[in-house]
Amino acid sequence: MTEKLVIKADNNKARGYNPVFIDAAHHEQLKQLAAATGLSMRKLAEQLLTFAIDNLEIQQSDDGELPE
């Protein structure tokens, strides 16, 4: 896949916190990206998820079945 996710930095810091429940390694990466872009972790996670969902291709499992 050659398409890239481009995120525009945001210098406006919102007050308040919203939890994001992911494993510790991804949380740390998200925190670093949030600091680098000025986006809140929530906004950044939403943009990442939206991109992933829009570019998602679901493949059949090795047994050729998809979950119902």
Protein backbone atom coordinates (compact mmCIF):
# COMPACT_ATOMS: atom_id res chain seq x y z
CA MET A 1 0.00 0.00 0.00
CA THR A 2 1.50 3.34 -0.99
CA GLU A 3 -1.20 5.61 0.38
CA LYS A 4 -0.14 7.62 3.42
CA LEU A 5 -2.11 9.15 6.23
CA VAL A 6 -1.38 12.87 6.37
CA ILE A 7 -2.23 14.57 9.68
CA LYS A 8 -2.33 18.33 10.04
CA ALA A 9 -0.77 19.60 13.28
CA ASP A 10 -3.01 21.46 15.73
CA ASN A 11 -1.66 24.04 18.17
CA ASN A 12 -4.97 24.35 20.06
CA LYS A 13 -4.92 22.25 23.20
CA ALA A 14 -8.31 21.10 24.45
CA ARG A 15 -8.85 20.71 28.19
CA GLY A 16 -10.01 17.40 29.57
CA TYR A 17 -9.19 13.76 29.10
CA ASN A 18 -10.85 10.84 27.36
CA PRO A 19 -9.51 7.33 27.86
CA VAL A 20 -8.16 5.30 24.97
CA PHE A 21 -7.93 1.59 25.80
CA ILE A 22 -5.08 0.04 23.83
CA ASP A 23 -1.96 -1.91 24.78
CA ALA A 24 0.90 -0.05 26.42
CA ALA A 25 3.18 -0.03 23.36
CA HIS A 26 0.51 1.52 21.11
CA HIS A 27 -0.45 3.97 23.84
CA GLU A 28 3.13 5.20 24.03
CA GLN A 29 3.31 5.61 20.24
CA LEU A 30 0.00 7.47 20.25
CA LYS A 31 1.24 9.74 23.05
CA GLN A 32 4.44 10.53 21.12
CA LEU A 33 2.50 11.25 17.91
CA ALA A 34 0.08 13.46 19.84
CA ALA A 35 2.98 15.47 21.26
CA ALA A 36 4.60 15.79 17.81
CA THR A 37 1.41 16.95 16.09
CA GLY A 38 -0.29 18.98 18.80
CA LEU A 39 -3.41 16.86 18.37
CA SER A 40 -5.19 15.33 21.32
CA MET A 41 -4.83 11.58 21.64
CA ARG A 42 -8.57 11.31 20.97
CA LYS A 43 -8.42 13.31 17.72
CA LEU A 44 -5.32 11.47 16.60
CA ALA A 45 -6.81 8.04 17.39
CA GLU A 46 -9.99 8.97 15.51
CA GLN A 47 -8.00 10.03 12.43
CA LEU A 48 -5.89 6.89 12.53
CA LEU A 49 -8.95 4.66 12.94
CA THR A 50 -10.87 6.44 10.19
CA PHE A 51 -7.95 5.99 7.78
CA ALA A 52 -7.54 2.34 8.74
CA ILE A 53 -11.24 1.58 8.33
CA ASP A 54 -11.45 3.44 5.00
CA ASN A 55 -8.45 1.48 3.66
CA LEU A 56 -9.25 -1.89 5.22
CA GLU A 57 -9.34 -5.07 3.18
CA ILE A 58 -10.73 -8.12 4.98
CA GLN A 59 -9.33 -11.42 3.77
CA GLN A 60 -10.68 -14.87 4.41
CA SER A 61 -9.01 -16.96 7.08
CA ASP A 62 -6.81 -19.91 6.17
CA ASP A 63 -9.85 -22.20 6.28
CA GLY A 64 -11.63 -19.97 3.76
CA GLU A 65 -14.34 -18.82 6.15
CA LEU A 66 -15.36 -15.38 7.36
CA PRO A 67 -16.95 -14.92 10.78
CA GLU A 68 -20.70 -14.50 10.75
